[in-house]
C-alpha atoms as a PDB file:
ATOM      1  CA  MET A   1      42.283-135.952 132.286  1.00  0.00           C
ATOM      2  CA  GLY A   2      44.995-135.239 130.608  1.00  0.00           C
ATOM      3  CA  CYS A   3      46.155-135.201 126.942  1.00  0.00           C
ATOM      4  CA  LYS A   4      50.360-136.811 126.488  1.00  0.00           C
ATOM      5  CA  LEU A   5      53.196-134.209 124.627  1.00  0.00           C
ATOM      6  CA  GLU A   6      55.270-134.936 122.217  1.00  0.00           C
ATOM      7  CA  MET A   7      57.251-134.676 119.198  1.00  0.00           C
ATOM      8  CA  ASN A   8      57.833-136.952 115.997  1.00  0.00           C
ATOM      9  CA  GLY A   9      56.339-139.627 117.921  1.00  0.00           C
ATOM     10  CA  CYS A  10      57.973-139.506 120.967  1.00  0.00           C
ATOM     11  CA  VAL A  11      56.099-138.243 123.801  1.00  0.00           C
ATOM     12  CA  TYR A  12      58.252-136.701 126.411  1.00  0.00           C
ATOM     13  CA  GLY A  13      55.971-135.381 128.960  1.00  0.00           C
ATOM     14  CA  PHE A  14      52.282-135.587 129.700  1.00  0.00           C
ATOM     15  CA  LEU A  15      49.192-132.612 131.268  1.00  0.00           C
ATOM     16  CA  ASN A  16      47.628-134.043 133.884  1.00  0.00           C
ATOM     17  CA  ILE A  17      44.088-132.015 134.465  1.00  0.00           C
ATOM     18  CA  GLU A  18      42.993-132.604 138.095  1.00  0.00           C
ATOM     19  CA  PHE A  19      39.839-131.775 139.542  1.00  0.00           C
ATOM     20  CA  HIS A  20      40.126-133.443 142.725  1.00  0.00           C
ATOM     21  CA  ASN A  21      36.375-135.561 142.162  1.00  0.00           C
ATOM     22  CA  ASN A  22      34.258-132.583 142.273  1.00  0.00           C
ATOM     23  CA  PRO A  23      31.459-132.167 138.777  1.00  0.00           C
ATOM     24  CA  VAL A  24      33.025-129.753 136.595  1.00  0.00           C
ATOM     25  CA  PHE A  25      30.844-130.612 133.032  1.00  0.00           C
ATOM     26  CA  VAL A  26      27.898-131.176 133.121  1.00  0.00           C
ATOM     27  CA  ASP A  27      27.757-134.046 129.764  1.00  0.00           C
ATOM     28  CA  GLU A  28      30.594-134.723 127.891  1.00  0.00           C
ATOM     29  CA  GLU A  29      29.944-132.166 125.003  1.00  0.00           C
ATOM     30  CA  GLU A  30      31.154-129.743 127.470  1.00  0.00           C
ATOM     31  CA  MET A  31      34.263-131.319 128.904  1.00  0.00           C
ATOM     32  CA  GLN A  32      35.604-131.595 124.587  1.00  0.00           C
ATOM     33  CA  ASP A  33      35.040-127.557 124.776  1.00  0.00           C
ATOM     34  CA  PHE A  34      36.758-127.165 127.894  1.00  0.00           C
ATOM     35  CA  MET A  35      39.592-129.335 127.055  1.00  0.00           C
ATOM     36  CA  GLU A  36      39.496-127.776 123.220  1.00  0.00           C
ATOM     37  CA  GLU A  37      39.656-124.245 124.587  1.00  0.00           C
ATOM     38  CA  SER A  38      41.575-124.257 127.710  1.00  0.00           C
ATOM     39  CA  ILE A  39      44.042-127.171 127.193  1.00  0.00           C
ATOM     40  CA  PHE A  40      45.015-127.601 123.215  1.00  0.00           C
ATOM     41  CA  PRO A  41      46.191-124.150 122.973  1.00  0.00           C
ATOM     42  CA  PHE A  42      48.139-125.041 126.282  1.00  0.00           C
ATOM     43  CA  LYS A  43      49.866-128.020 125.153  1.00  0.00           C
ATOM     44  CA  LEU A  44      50.807-126.250 121.959  1.00  0.00           C
ATOM     45  CA  LEU A  45      52.614-123.858 123.904  1.00  0.00           C
ATOM     46  CA  LEU A  46      54.218-126.366 125.436  1.00  0.00           C
ATOM     47  CA  GLU A  47      55.140-128.624 122.052  1.00  0.00           C
ATOM     48  CA  TYR A  48      56.177-125.267 120.675  1.00  0.00           C
ATOM     49  CA  GLN A  49      58.765-124.041 123.244  1.00  0.00           C
ATOM     50  CA  TYR A  50      60.033-128.193 122.978  1.00  0.00           C
ATOM     51  CA  LEU A  51      60.511-127.929 119.102  1.00  0.00           C
ATOM     52  CA  LYS A  52      62.186-124.460 120.188  1.00  0.00           C
ATOM     53  CA  LYS A  53      64.297-125.842 122.589  1.00  0.00           C
ATOM     54  CA  ASP A  54      65.232-128.480 120.434  1.00  0.00           C
ATOM     55  CA  PHE A  55      66.212-127.388 116.877  1.00  0.00           C
ATOM     56  CA  PHE A  56      67.856-124.234 119.787  1.00  0.00           C
ATOM     57  CA  ASP A  57      70.439-127.416 120.970  1.00  0.00           C
ATOM     58  CA  ARG A  58      71.155-128.541 117.552  1.00  0.00           C
ATOM     59  CA  PHE A  59      72.190-125.266 116.665  1.00  0.00           C
ATOM     60  CA  HIS A  60      74.089-124.702 118.246  1.00  0.00           C
ATOM     61  CA  HIS A  61      76.026-127.551 118.418  1.00  0.00           C
ATOM     62  CA  PHE A  62      76.294-127.729 113.971  1.00  0.00           C
ATOM     63  CA  GLU A  63      80.089-126.104 113.366  1.00  0.00           C
END
């Protein structure tokens, strides 16, 4: 299970989650709840950090 990390349509990474063949979720709805509550906020944080880095890198070269 995982999700793409992207900025402006450009993929720069992939967040991969492995459970090593153990049954973790009862059904797909439980998996979706886990993704929405635990994975997507972390994904957004990583994308925000990348945007911040990109912004300040461009600002630094602006002279």
